[in-house]
C-alpha atoms as a PDB file:
ATOM      1  CA  MET A   1      34.193-108.966 178.028  1.00  0.00           C
ATOM      2  CA  ALA A   2      33.629-112.079 177.675  1.00  0.00           C
ATOM      3  CA  ASP A   3      32.805-112.461 173.799  1.00  0.00           C
ATOM      4  CA  LEU A   4      30.676-115.864 173.126  1.00  0.00           C
ATOM      5  CA  ARG A   5      28.290-114.753 170.081  1.00  0.00           C
ATOM      6  CA  SER A   6      30.392-116.730 167.550  1.00  0.00           C
ATOM      7  CA  ASP A   7      34.030-118.075 166.683  1.00  0.00           C
ATOM      8  CA  THR A   8      33.947-115.779 164.055  1.00  0.00           C
ATOM      9  CA  VAL A   9      34.827-112.943 166.284  1.00  0.00           C
ATOM     10  CA  THR A  10      38.162-114.135 167.027  1.00  0.00           C
ATOM     11  CA  ARG A  11      41.098-112.067 165.932  1.00  0.00           C
ATOM     12  CA  PRO A  12      44.343-112.775 164.607  1.00  0.00           C
ATOM     13  CA  THR A  13      46.852-114.006 166.583  1.00  0.00           C
ATOM     14  CA  PRO A  14      50.836-112.580 166.641  1.00  0.00           C
ATOM     15  CA  ALA A  15      52.326-115.113 164.808  1.00  0.00           C
ATOM     16  CA  MET A  16      49.438-115.416 162.204  1.00  0.00           C
ATOM     17  CA  ARG A  17      49.804-111.328 161.357  1.00  0.00           C
ATOM     18  CA  GLU A  18      53.440-111.931 161.113  1.00  0.00           C
ATOM     19  CA  ALA A  19      52.851-115.001 158.416  1.00  0.00           C
ATOM     20  CA  MET A  20      50.467-112.260 156.985  1.00  0.00           C
ATOM     21  CA  ALA A  21      53.088-109.580 156.643  1.00  0.00           C
ATOM     22  CA  SER A  22      55.940-111.767 155.071  1.00  0.00           C
ATOM     23  CA  ALA A  23      53.500-113.568 152.747  1.00  0.00           C
ATOM     24  CA  PRO A  24      54.349-113.313 149.158  1.00  0.00           C
ATOM     25  CA  VAL A  25      51.975-112.023 146.962  1.00  0.00           C
ATOM     26  CA  GLY A  26      50.898-112.001 143.096  1.00  0.00           C
ATOM     27  CA  ASP A  27      47.446-111.476 141.338  1.00  0.00           C
ATOM     28  CA  ASP A  28      45.272-114.337 142.158  1.00  0.00           C
ATOM     29  CA  VAL A  29      42.647-112.945 139.304  1.00  0.00           C
ATOM     30  CA  PHE A  30      45.495-114.190 137.110  1.00  0.00           C
ATOM     31  CA  GLY A  31      46.416-117.464 138.982  1.00  0.00           C
ATOM     32  CA  ASP A  32      49.913-116.548 139.598  1.00  0.00           C
ATOM     33  CA  ASP A  33      49.340-115.627 143.902  1.00  0.00           C
ATOM     34  CA  PRO A  34      51.570-118.446 145.079  1.00  0.00           C
ATOM     35  CA  THR A  35      50.178-118.035 148.579  1.00  0.00           C
ATOM     36  CA  VAL A  36      46.738-118.760 147.589  1.00  0.00           C
ATOM     37  CA  ASN A  37      47.922-121.218 145.232  1.00  0.00           C
ATOM     38  CA  ASP A  38      49.847-123.518 148.177  1.00  0.00           C
ATOM     39  CA  LEU A  39      46.878-123.080 150.423  1.00  0.00           C
ATOM     40  CA  GLU A  40      44.354-124.138 147.712  1.00  0.00           C
ATOM     41  CA  ALA A  41      46.435-127.041 147.077  1.00  0.00           C
ATOM     42  CA  HIS A  42      47.176-127.948 150.377  1.00  0.00           C
ATOM     43  CA  VAL A  43      43.020-128.094 151.279  1.00  0.00           C
ATOM     44  CA  ALA A  44      42.855-130.084 148.187  1.00  0.00           C
ATOM     45  CA  ARG A  45      45.311-132.702 149.611  1.00  0.00           C
ATOM     46  CA  MET A  46      43.658-132.683 153.055  1.00  0.00           C
ATOM     47  CA  PHE A  47      40.687-133.680 151.846  1.00  0.00           C
ATOM     48  CA  GLY A  48      41.998-136.243 148.864  1.00  0.00           C
ATOM     49  CA  HIS A  49      40.133-134.094 145.978  1.00  0.00           C
ATOM     50  CA  GLU A  50      41.940-132.643 143.113  1.00  0.00           C
ATOM     51  CA  ALA A  51      41.679-128.980 143.754  1.00  0.00           C
ATOM     52  CA  ALA A  52      40.218-125.823 145.885  1.00  0.00           C
ATOM     53  CA  LEU A  53      39.482-122.600 145.476  1.00  0.00           C
ATOM     54  CA  PHE A  54      39.901-119.385 147.884  1.00  0.00           C
ATOM     55  CA  ALA A  55      36.863-117.751 148.554  1.00  0.00           C
ATOM     56  CA  PRO A  56      36.232-114.377 150.628  1.00  0.00           C
ATOM     57  CA  SER A  57      33.129-116.366 152.720  1.00  0.00           C
ATOM     58  CA  GLY A  58      31.465-119.279 153.563  1.00  0.00           C
ATOM     59  CA  THR A  59      28.326-118.140 152.134  1.00  0.00           C
ATOM     60  CA  MET A  60      29.806-117.343 148.547  1.00  0.00           C
ATOM     61  CA  ALA A  61      32.017-121.283 149.161  1.00  0.00           C
ATOM     62  CA  ASN A  62      28.490-122.755 149.677  1.00  0.00           C
ATOM     63  CA  GLN A  63      26.886-120.858 146.597  1.00  0.00           C
ATOM     64  CA  ILE A  64      29.271-121.738 144.586  1.00  0.00           C
ATOM     65  CA  ALA A  65      29.545-125.284 144.983  1.00  0.00           C
ATOM     66  CA  MET A  66      25.499-125.413 144.780  1.00  0.00           C
ATOM     67  CA  GLN A  67      25.664-123.822 141.263  1.00  0.00           C
ATOM     68  CA  LEU A  68      28.504-126.657 140.290  1.00  0.00           C
ATOM     69  CA  VAL A  69      26.608-129.691 140.800  1.00  0.00           C
ATOM     70  CA  VAL A  70      22.521-128.070 140.299  1.00  0.00           C
ATOM     71  CA  PRO A  71      21.863-126.630 137.266  1.00  0.00           C
ATOM     72  CA  ALA A  72      19.182-123.413 137.440  1.00  0.00           C
ATOM     73  CA  GLY A  73      15.853-124.805 137.857  1.00  0.00           C
ATOM     74  CA  GLU A  74      16.492-128.023 139.272  1.00  0.00           C
ATOM     75  CA  GLU A  75      16.732-128.927 143.168  1.00  0.00           C
ATOM     76  CA  LEU A  76      18.517-129.036 145.980  1.00  0.00           C
ATOM     77  CA  LEU A  77      17.655-131.393 149.093  1.00  0.00           C
ATOM     78  CA  ALA A  78      18.644-129.778 152.486  1.00  0.00           C
ATOM     79  CA  GLY A  79      17.155-129.616 156.396  1.00  0.00           C
ATOM     80  CA  ALA A  80      14.914-127.121 156.993  1.00  0.00           C
ATOM     81  CA  ASP A  81      17.557-125.578 159.490  1.00  0.00           C
ATOM     82  CA  ALA A  82      20.279-125.815 157.547  1.00  0.00           C
ATOM     83  CA  HIS A  83      22.427-123.114 156.887  1.00  0.00           C
ATOM     84  CA  VAL A  84      22.300-122.947 153.184  1.00  0.00           C
ATOM     85  CA  VAL A  85      18.567-122.523 153.866  1.00  0.00           C
ATOM     86  CA  THR A  86      18.114-120.121 156.948  1.00  0.00           C
ATOM     87  CA  TYR A  87      21.564-117.777 157.011  1.00  0.00           C
ATOM     88  CA  GLU A  88      22.321-117.416 153.499  1.00  0.00           C
ATOM     89  CA  LEU A  89      19.709-115.203 152.264  1.00  0.00           C
ATOM     90  CA  GLY A  90      18.076-117.332 149.185  1.00  0.00           C
ATOM     91  CA  ALA A  91      21.287-117.015 147.475  1.00  0.00           C
ATOM     92  CA  ALA A  92      20.434-120.021 146.256  1.00  0.00           C
ATOM     93  CA  ALA A  93      17.409-119.573 144.133  1.00  0.00           C
ATOM     94  CA  ALA A  94      18.199-115.571 143.732  1.00  0.00           C
ATOM     95  CA  LEU A  95      22.162-116.131 142.362  1.00  0.00           C
ATOM     96  CA  GLY A  96      21.480-119.708 141.154  1.00  0.00           C
ATOM     97  CA  GLY A  97      18.030-120.173 140.353  1.00  0.00           C
ATOM     98  CA  ILE A  98      18.539-123.298 142.036  1.00  0.00           C
ATOM     99  CA  SER A  99      14.618-125.064 143.517  1.00  0.00           C
ATOM    100  CA  THR A 100      14.757-125.826 147.279  1.00  0.00           C
ATOM    101  CA  ARG A 101      13.427-128.827 149.278  1.00  0.00           C
ATOM    102  CA  THR A 102      13.722-129.366 152.746  1.00  0.00           C
ATOM    103  CA  TRP A 103      13.333-132.658 155.427  1.00  0.00           C
ATOM    104  CA  PRO A 104      12.167-131.412 158.758  1.00  0.00           C
ATOM    105  CA  SER A 105      14.452-129.683 161.098  1.00  0.00           C
ATOM    106  CA  ARG A 106      16.528-132.436 163.205  1.00  0.00           C
ATOM    107  CA  GLY A 107      20.188-130.910 163.126  1.00  0.00           C
ATOM    108  CA  ALA A 108      22.519-133.756 162.554  1.00  0.00           C
ATOM    109  CA  ALA A 109      20.173-136.406 163.126  1.00  0.00           C
ATOM    110  CA  LEU A 110      19.438-137.497 159.627  1.00  0.00           C
ATOM    111  CA  ASP A 111      16.916-140.053 158.383  1.00  0.00           C
ATOM    112  CA  VAL A 112      18.827-141.500 155.389  1.00  0.00           C
ATOM    113  CA  ASP A 113      15.532-143.486 154.315  1.00  0.00           C
ATOM    114  CA  GLU A 114      13.729-140.318 154.363  1.00  0.00           C
ATOM    115  CA  ILE A 115      16.111-137.998 152.008  1.00  0.00           C
ATOM    116  CA  ALA A 116      16.242-141.175 149.911  1.00  0.00           C
ATOM    117  CA  GLY A 117      12.321-141.028 149.498  1.00  0.00           C
ATOM    118  CA  MET A 118      12.621-137.231 148.676  1.00  0.00           C
ATOM    119  CA  ILE A 119      14.687-137.842 145.493  1.00  0.00           C
ATOM    120  CA  ARG A 120      12.976-137.107 142.495  1.00  0.00           C
ATOM    121  CA  PRO A 121      13.738-138.281 139.079  1.00  0.00           C
ATOM    122  CA  ALA A 122      14.612-136.171 135.760  1.00  0.00           C
ATOM    123  CA  GLY A 123      11.261-136.150 133.711  1.00  0.00           C
ATOM    124  CA  TYR A 124       7.914-134.234 133.217  1.00  0.00           C
ATOM    125  CA  PRO A 125       6.607-133.092 135.233  1.00  0.00           C
ATOM    126  CA  SER A 126       8.774-133.008 138.520  1.00  0.00           C
ATOM    127  CA  VAL A 127      12.044-130.510 139.158  1.00  0.00           C
ATOM    128  CA  PRO A 128      14.521-133.225 139.222  1.00  0.00           C
ATOM    129  CA  THR A 129      17.033-133.673 142.350  1.00  0.00           C
ATOM    130  CA  ARG A 130      20.278-133.276 141.526  1.00  0.00           C
ATOM    131  CA  ALA A 131      21.925-132.542 145.163  1.00  0.00           C
ATOM    132  CA  ILE A 132      21.857-133.038 148.574  1.00  0.00           C
ATOM    133  CA  ALA A 133      23.668-130.737 151.423  1.00  0.00           C
ATOM    134  CA  VAL A 134      24.610-131.711 154.690  1.00  0.00           C
ATOM    135  CA  GLU A 135      26.228-129.948 157.294  1.00  0.00           C
ATOM    136  CA  GLN A 136      29.113-130.583 159.268  1.00  0.00           C
ATOM    137  CA  THR A 137      29.241-129.636 162.336  1.00  0.00           C
ATOM    138  CA  HIS A 138      25.672-128.638 162.461  1.00  0.00           C
ATOM    139  CA  ASN A 139      24.941-124.848 163.313  1.00  0.00           C
ATOM    140  CA  LEU A 140      21.148-124.833 164.718  1.00  0.00           C
ATOM    141  CA  GLY A 141      21.525-128.426 165.754  1.00  0.00           C
ATOM    142  CA  GLY A 142      24.184-127.052 168.318  1.00  0.00           C
ATOM    143  CA  GLY A 143      27.283-127.732 166.427  1.00  0.00           C
ATOM    144  CA  GLY A 144      26.086-131.814 166.682  1.00  0.00           C
ATOM    145  CA  ILE A 145      28.052-134.275 164.234  1.00  0.00           C
ATOM    146  CA  VAL A 146      26.441-136.462 161.693  1.00  0.00           C
ATOM    147  CA  PRO A 147      27.856-139.947 162.305  1.00  0.00           C
ATOM    148  CA  LEU A 148      30.467-141.376 159.619  1.00  0.00           C
ATOM    149  CA  ALA A 149      28.193-144.201 159.414  1.00  0.00           C
ATOM    150  CA  THR A 150      25.043-141.873 158.605  1.00  0.00           C
ATOM    151  CA  LEU A 151      27.040-140.186 155.965  1.00  0.00           C
ATOM    152  CA  HIS A 152      28.365-143.438 153.992  1.00  0.00           C
ATOM    153  CA  ARG A 153      24.612-144.351 154.098  1.00  0.00           C
ATOM    154  CA  LEU A 154      23.765-141.053 152.645  1.00  0.00           C
ATOM    155  CA  HIS A 155      26.945-140.930 149.743  1.00  0.00           C
ATOM    156  CA  ASP A 156      25.749-144.492 148.503  1.00  0.00           C
ATOM    157  CA  VAL A 157      22.140-143.375 148.479  1.00  0.00           C
ATOM    158  CA  ALA A 158      23.226-140.463 146.287  1.00  0.00           C
ATOM    159  CA  LYS A 159      25.602-142.242 144.477  1.00  0.00           C
ATOM    160  CA  SER A 160      22.768-144.757 143.662  1.00  0.00           C
ATOM    161  CA  ALA A 161      20.332-142.120 142.813  1.00  0.00           C
ATOM    162  CA  GLY A 162      22.756-140.264 140.182  1.00  0.00           C
ATOM    163  CA  VAL A 163      22.754-137.042 142.460  1.00  0.00           C
ATOM    164  CA  ALA A 164      26.034-135.013 143.697  1.00  0.00           C
ATOM    165  CA  LEU A 165      26.458-134.988 147.912  1.00  0.00           C
ATOM    166  CA  HIS A 166      27.788-131.602 149.251  1.00  0.00           C
ATOM    167  CA  CYS A 167      28.987-130.552 152.404  1.00  0.00           C
ATOM    168  CA  ASP A 168      28.563-127.360 154.099  1.00  0.00           C
ATOM    169  CA  GLY A 169      31.938-128.100 156.221  1.00  0.00           C
ATOM    170  CA  ALA A 170      32.010-124.821 157.688  1.00  0.00           C
ATOM    171  CA  ARG A 171      33.318-126.373 161.100  1.00  0.00           C
ATOM    172  CA  ILE A 172      34.482-129.686 159.960  1.00  0.00           C
ATOM    173  CA  TRP A 173      37.548-129.419 161.683  1.00  0.00           C
ATOM    174  CA  HIS A 174      35.651-129.706 164.872  1.00  0.00           C
ATOM    175  CA  ALA A 175      33.924-132.997 163.737  1.00  0.00           C
ATOM    176  CA  HIS A 176      37.726-134.183 163.020  1.00  0.00           C
ATOM    177  CA  VAL A 177      39.047-133.704 166.088  1.00  0.00           C
ATOM    178  CA  ALA A 178      35.766-134.642 168.330  1.00  0.00           C
ATOM    179  CA  GLU A 179      35.367-137.741 166.357  1.00  0.00           C
ATOM    180  CA  GLY A 180      38.881-138.197 165.208  1.00  0.00           C
ATOM    181  CA  VAL A 181      37.750-138.773 161.636  1.00  0.00           C
ATOM    182  CA  PRO A 182      40.449-137.977 158.945  1.00  0.00           C
ATOM    183  CA  LEU A 183      39.633-135.234 157.091  1.00  0.00           C
ATOM    184  CA  PHE A 184      40.521-137.246 153.532  1.00  0.00           C
ATOM    185  CA  THR A 185      37.676-139.615 154.917  1.00  0.00           C
ATOM    186  CA  TYR A 186      35.179-137.198 154.840  1.00  0.00           C
ATOM    187  CA  GLY A 187      36.531-135.735 151.603  1.00  0.00           C
ATOM    188  CA  GLN A 188      36.239-139.115 149.961  1.00  0.00           C
ATOM    189  CA  LEU A 189      32.343-138.639 150.473  1.00  0.00           C
ATOM    190  CA  PHE A 190      31.244-135.473 148.930  1.00  0.00           C
ATOM    191  CA  ASP A 191      31.185-134.576 145.393  1.00  0.00           C
ATOM    192  CA  THR A 192      32.075-130.845 146.688  1.00  0.00           C
ATOM    193  CA  LEU A 193      32.495-129.042 150.051  1.00  0.00           C
ATOM    194  CA  SER A 194      32.934-125.839 151.490  1.00  0.00           C
ATOM    195  CA  VAL A 195      35.434-125.410 154.306  1.00  0.00           C
ATOM    196  CA  CYS A 196      36.016-122.503 156.450  1.00  0.00           C
ATOM    197  CA  LEU A 197      39.069-120.710 157.805  1.00  0.00           C
ATOM    198  CA  SER A 198      37.387-117.938 159.691  1.00  0.00           C
ATOM    199  CA  LYS A 199      35.423-119.759 162.569  1.00  0.00           C
ATOM    200  CA  GLY A 200      37.102-121.817 164.815  1.00  0.00           C
ATOM    201  CA  LEU A 201      40.391-121.638 163.432  1.00  0.00           C
ATOM    202  CA  GLY A 202      41.164-118.211 163.711  1.00  0.00           C
ATOM    203  CA  ALA A 203      41.989-116.682 160.002  1.00  0.00           C
ATOM    204  CA  PRO A 204      40.247-113.351 159.550  1.00  0.00           C
ATOM    205  CA  VAL A 205      38.653-113.937 156.266  1.00  0.00           C
ATOM    206  CA  GLY A 206      37.843-117.154 153.982  1.00  0.00           C
ATOM    207  CA  SER A 207      36.994-120.414 152.894  1.00  0.00           C
ATOM    208  CA  LEU A 208      37.686-122.768 150.001  1.00  0.00           C
ATOM    209  CA  ILE A 209      35.466-124.775 147.700  1.00  0.00           C
ATOM    210  CA  VAL A 210      36.508-128.464 147.261  1.00  0.00           C
ATOM    211  CA  GLY A 211      36.080-130.825 144.424  1.00  0.00           C
ATOM    212  CA  SER A 212      37.521-132.182 141.027  1.00  0.00           C
ATOM    213  CA  ALA A 213      39.732-130.037 138.912  1.00  0.00           C
ATOM    214  CA  GLU A 214      37.077-129.797 136.085  1.00  0.00           C
ATOM    215  CA  ARG A 215      34.367-128.326 138.978  1.00  0.00           C
ATOM    216  CA  ILE A 216      36.842-125.748 140.209  1.00  0.00           C
ATOM    217  CA  ALA A 217      37.856-124.677 137.195  1.00  0.00           C
ATOM    218  CA  ARG A 218      34.048-123.550 136.655  1.00  0.00           C
ATOM    219  CA  ALA A 219      34.300-122.263 140.070  1.00  0.00           C
ATOM    220  CA  ARG A 220      36.648-119.717 139.427  1.00  0.00           C
ATOM    221  CA  GLN A 221      34.609-118.235 136.969  1.00  0.00           C
ATOM    222  CA  ILE A 222      31.120-118.523 139.226  1.00  0.00           C
ATOM    223  CA  ARG A 223      33.333-116.921 141.921  1.00  0.00           C
ATOM    224  CA  LYS A 224      34.533-113.491 139.516  1.00  0.00           C
ATOM    225  CA  ARG A 225      31.098-113.575 138.293  1.00  0.00           C
ATOM    226  CA  MET A 226      29.566-112.930 141.943  1.00  0.00           C
ATOM    227  CA  GLY A 227      32.300-110.614 142.325  1.00  0.00           C
ATOM    228  CA  GLY A 228      34.687-112.840 144.156  1.00  0.00           C
ATOM    229  CA  GLY A 229      38.095-112.320 142.080  1.00  0.00           C
ATOM    230  CA  MET A 230      40.594-111.174 144.049  1.00  0.00           C
ATOM    231  CA  ARG A 231      44.018-109.798 143.566  1.00  0.00           C
ATOM    232  CA  GLN A 232      46.959-109.945 146.169  1.00  0.00           C
ATOM    233  CA  VAL A 233      45.191-111.845 148.310  1.00  0.00           C
ATOM    234  CA  GLY A 234      48.122-114.112 149.535  1.00  0.00           C
ATOM    235  CA  ILE A 235      48.120-112.087 152.883  1.00  0.00           C
ATOM    236  CA  LEU A 236      44.609-113.548 153.695  1.00  0.00           C
ATOM    237  CA  ALA A 237      45.552-116.800 152.419  1.00  0.00           C
ATOM    238  CA  ALA A 238      48.489-117.027 154.837  1.00  0.00           C
ATOM    239  CA  ALA A 239      46.585-116.777 157.550  1.00  0.00           C
ATOM    240  CA  GLY A 240      44.400-119.312 156.679  1.00  0.00           C
ATOM    241  CA  ARG A 241      47.660-121.632 156.144  1.00  0.00           C
ATOM    242  CA  TYR A 242      49.029-120.362 159.461  1.00  0.00           C
ATOM    243  CA  ALA A 243      45.497-121.637 160.985  1.00  0.00           C
ATOM    244  CA  LEU A 244      45.929-125.225 159.446  1.00  0.00           C
ATOM    245  CA  ASP A 245      48.950-125.426 160.742  1.00  0.00           C
ATOM    246  CA  HIS A 246      48.709-124.360 164.213  1.00  0.00           C
ATOM    247  CA  HIS A 247      45.239-123.887 165.011  1.00  0.00           C
ATOM    248  CA  VAL A 248      43.265-127.438 164.093  1.00  0.00           C
ATOM    249  CA  ASP A 249      44.297-129.738 167.323  1.00  0.00           C
ATOM    250  CA  ARG A 250      43.368-126.747 169.844  1.00  0.00           C
ATOM    251  CA  LEU A 251      40.100-127.007 168.978  1.00  0.00           C
ATOM    252  CA  ALA A 252      39.590-130.155 171.373  1.00  0.00           C
ATOM    253  CA  GLN A 253      40.553-126.669 173.954  1.00  0.00           C
ATOM    254  CA  ASP A 254      37.268-124.952 172.893  1.00  0.00           C
ATOM    255  CA  HIS A 255      35.464-128.240 172.722  1.00  0.00           C
ATOM    256  CA  ALA A 256      36.142-129.031 176.530  1.00  0.00           C
ATOM    257  CA  ARG A 257      35.148-125.396 177.867  1.00  0.00           C
ATOM    258  CA  ALA A 258      32.362-125.879 175.629  1.00  0.00           C
ATOM    259  CA  ARG A 259      31.547-128.764 177.618  1.00  0.00           C
ATOM    260  CA  ARG A 260      32.214-127.198 180.988  1.00  0.00           C
ATOM    261  CA  LEU A 261      29.644-124.572 180.561  1.00  0.00           C
ATOM    262  CA  ALA A 262      27.198-126.893 179.232  1.00  0.00           C
ATOM    263  CA  GLU A 263      27.965-129.106 182.459  1.00  0.00           C
ATOM    264  CA  ALA A 264      27.599-125.790 184.755  1.00  0.00           C
ATOM    265  CA  LEU A 265      24.142-124.579 183.113  1.00  0.00           C
ATOM    266  CA  GLU A 266      22.275-128.046 182.788  1.00  0.00           C
ATOM    267  CA  PRO A 267      21.060-127.904 186.085  1.00  0.00           C
ATOM    268  CA  PHE A 268      18.990-124.772 185.312  1.00  0.00           C
ATOM    269  CA  GLY A 269      17.046-127.292 182.391  1.00  0.00           C
ATOM    270  CA  VAL A 270      18.550-125.498 179.165  1.00  0.00           C
ATOM    271  CA  VAL A 271      21.128-127.407 178.142  1.00  0.00           C
ATOM    272  CA  ASP A 272      21.998-130.897 177.819  1.00  0.00           C
ATOM    273  CA  ALA A 273      25.545-131.436 178.327  1.00  0.00           C
ATOM    274  CA  ALA A 274      26.412-134.930 177.077  1.00  0.00           C
ATOM    275  CA  ALA A 275      24.856-133.550 173.527  1.00  0.00           C
ATOM    276  CA  VAL A 276      27.347-131.004 174.003  1.00  0.00           C
ATOM    277  CA  ARG A 277      30.489-132.386 171.203  1.00  0.00           C
ATOM    278  CA  THR A 278      32.016-129.227 169.929  1.00  0.00           C
ATOM    279  CA  ASN A 279      32.404-125.627 170.428  1.00  0.00           C
ATOM    280  CA  LEU A 280      28.628-124.566 170.507  1.00  0.00           C
ATOM    281  CA  VAL A 281      26.124-124.149 173.322  1.00  0.00           C
ATOM    282  CA  PRO A 282      22.774-124.289 172.623  1.00  0.00           C
ATOM    283  CA  LEU A 283      20.584-122.605 175.699  1.00  0.00           C
ATOM    284  CA  ASP A 284      16.930-123.667 175.192  1.00  0.00           C
ATOM    285  CA  LEU A 285      14.662-121.150 176.949  1.00  0.00           C
ATOM    286  CA  THR A 286      11.319-123.020 175.858  1.00  0.00           C
ATOM    287  CA  LYS A 287      10.404-124.035 179.265  1.00  0.00           C
ATOM    288  CA  ALA A 288      12.301-120.747 180.997  1.00  0.00           C
ATOM    289  CA  SER A 289      10.435-117.519 181.764  1.00  0.00           C
ATOM    290  CA  MET A 290      13.278-115.536 180.129  1.00  0.00           C
ATOM    291  CA  ASP A 291      13.251-115.382 175.942  1.00  0.00           C
ATOM    292  CA  ALA A 292      16.744-115.574 174.199  1.00  0.00           C
ATOM    293  CA  PRO A 293      16.718-111.507 173.623  1.00  0.00           C
ATOM    294  CA  THR A 294      15.968-110.812 177.233  1.00  0.00           C
ATOM    295  CA  LEU A 295      18.718-113.421 178.183  1.00  0.00           C
ATOM    296  CA  VAL A 296      21.093-111.959 175.502  1.00  0.00           C
ATOM    297  CA  ALA A 297      20.466-108.352 176.368  1.00  0.00           C
ATOM    298  CA  ARG A 298      21.369-109.186 180.635  1.00  0.00           C
ATOM    299  CA  ALA A 299      24.067-111.157 180.124  1.00  0.00           C
ATOM    300  CA  ALA A 300      25.500-108.111 177.898  1.00  0.00           C
ATOM    301  CA  GLU A 301      24.857-106.066 180.768  1.00  0.00           C
ATOM    302  CA  ARG A 302      27.383-107.782 182.757  1.00  0.00           C
ATOM    303  CA  ASP A 303      29.749-107.763 179.907  1.00  0.00           C
ATOM    304  CA  VAL A 304      28.859-111.658 178.957  1.00  0.00           C
ATOM    305  CA  ARG A 305      27.876-111.431 175.356  1.00  0.00           C
ATOM    306  CA  ILE A 306      25.888-114.796 173.782  1.00  0.00           C
ATOM    307  CA  THR A 307      23.669-114.466 170.790  1.00  0.00           C
ATOM    308  CA  VAL A 308      20.225-114.786 169.737  1.00  0.00           C
ATOM    309  CA  MET A 309      19.783-117.788 167.656  1.00  0.00           C
ATOM    310  CA  LEU A 310      15.975-118.032 167.597  1.00  0.00           C
ATOM    311  CA  PRO A 311      13.028-116.152 170.116  1.00  0.00           C
ATOM    312  CA  ARG A 312      13.839-119.279 172.686  1.00  0.00           C
ATOM    313  CA  LEU A 313      17.186-120.354 171.641  1.00  0.00           C
ATOM    314  CA  ALA A 314      20.293-118.474 172.530  1.00  0.00           C
ATOM    315  CA  ARG A 315      23.777-119.717 171.414  1.00  0.00           C
ATOM    316  CA  ALA A 316      27.455-119.366 173.340  1.00  0.00           C
ATOM    317  CA  VAL A 317      30.374-120.165 171.348  1.00  0.00           C
ATOM    318  CA  THR A 318      33.985-121.196 172.793  1.00  0.00           C
ATOM    319  CA  HIS A 319      36.772-120.111 170.548  1.00  0.00           C
ATOM    320  CA  LEU A 320      40.390-118.796 170.257  1.00  0.00           C
ATOM    321  CA  ASP A 321      40.073-115.653 172.174  1.00  0.00           C
ATOM    322  CA  VAL A 322      37.818-117.738 175.099  1.00  0.00           C
ATOM    323  CA  ASP A 323      39.802-118.609 177.827  1.00  0.00           C
ATOM    324  CA  ASP A 324      38.998-120.511 181.251  1.00  0.00           C
ATOM    325  CA  ASP A 325      38.595-117.059 182.599  1.00  0.00           C
ATOM    326  CA  ASP A 326      36.142-116.256 180.543  1.00  0.00           C
ATOM    327  CA  VAL A 327      33.969-119.731 180.930  1.00  0.00           C
ATOM    328  CA  ASP A 328      34.083-118.863 184.649  1.00  0.00           C
ATOM    329  CA  ARG A 329      32.907-115.430 183.849  1.00  0.00           C
ATOM    330  CA  THR A 330      29.903-116.469 181.961  1.00  0.00           C
ATOM    331  CA  ILE A 331      28.846-119.121 184.025  1.00  0.00           C
ATOM    332  CA  VAL A 332      28.454-116.849 186.798  1.00  0.00           C
ATOM    333  CA  VAL A 333      26.817-114.017 185.251  1.00  0.00           C
ATOM    334  CA  LEU A 334      24.211-116.440 183.354  1.00  0.00           C
ATOM    335  CA  SER A 335      23.763-119.277 186.010  1.00  0.00           C
ATOM    336  CA  ASP A 336      22.527-115.622 187.762  1.00  0.00           C
ATOM    337  CA  LEU A 337      19.968-114.801 185.586  1.00  0.00           C
ATOM    338  CA  LEU A 338      18.925-118.338 184.796  1.00  0.00           C
ATOM    339  CA  ARG A 339      18.221-118.962 188.324  1.00  0.00           C
ATOM    340  CA  ALA A 340      16.404-115.269 189.040  1.00  0.00           C
ATOM    341  CA  ALA A 341      14.322-116.019 185.717  1.00  0.00           C
END
């Protein structure tokens, strides 16, 4: 089975399992798990911030970060196809009392002037804008990368307006490798970031919230309130630290395989290979006679697993557990199905 549904399906490597088994641990709720403390300090340094906090999931990390910068009853701006809007089950409103307003869906192609025009100041009767969230790389935008120049402009707009800038950086490692932008540079543009270890980096669990020491102290309280306080979690933190030490540079291999898959499928009119910069390959079936659920089901019958994103949008993802043979098999199966459609 070639499983290209998501980079979340990766399994720990033998060396990662060894690091987990030998990790020194303590009770992280008391703050005395040395492996967790090391991971948090390391990630904070990588992004040039004062502190970081280990969380069980990317959704929790995003929701904690947004509660740090948006008081209940006030407003977050984000793209209509942002993960924090589409895939977190309304958690911003349900858990944080946060009102969300969105700009039109364009993936990673942000219109900074449009976003600037949406910011509402405090004062009756409007709901004040307190933060802007951007996604790097962009999931529904096919792994698209927000250009550094755009982020600089957005940072300046947010700072001038007195609003915070949050990065859903679940796959920021991919942007770093593809663009060559230092993680420190990305970090300095945002007030808070969430970064994920359990996607392309191949750790089994975990994300981190990154920010100032004051904010992370509050984040620890919010995490506990949300049920995210963990005990001897150094076993999982060790996997994340191993991933950061060994699995970042190799993301270039995933990008190359994704590009090869996209180039092979481009003649069928379902993907723009030049737009595939990272490890996500969106398959736009708008003009095809087959919808996404049908393509996914028929591919699975031939031992290739991809996923449905929208009724006419499927997605294939390269990752740590996808090799060249898997890509070859996927090319053959999807080509046959698209040719017959």
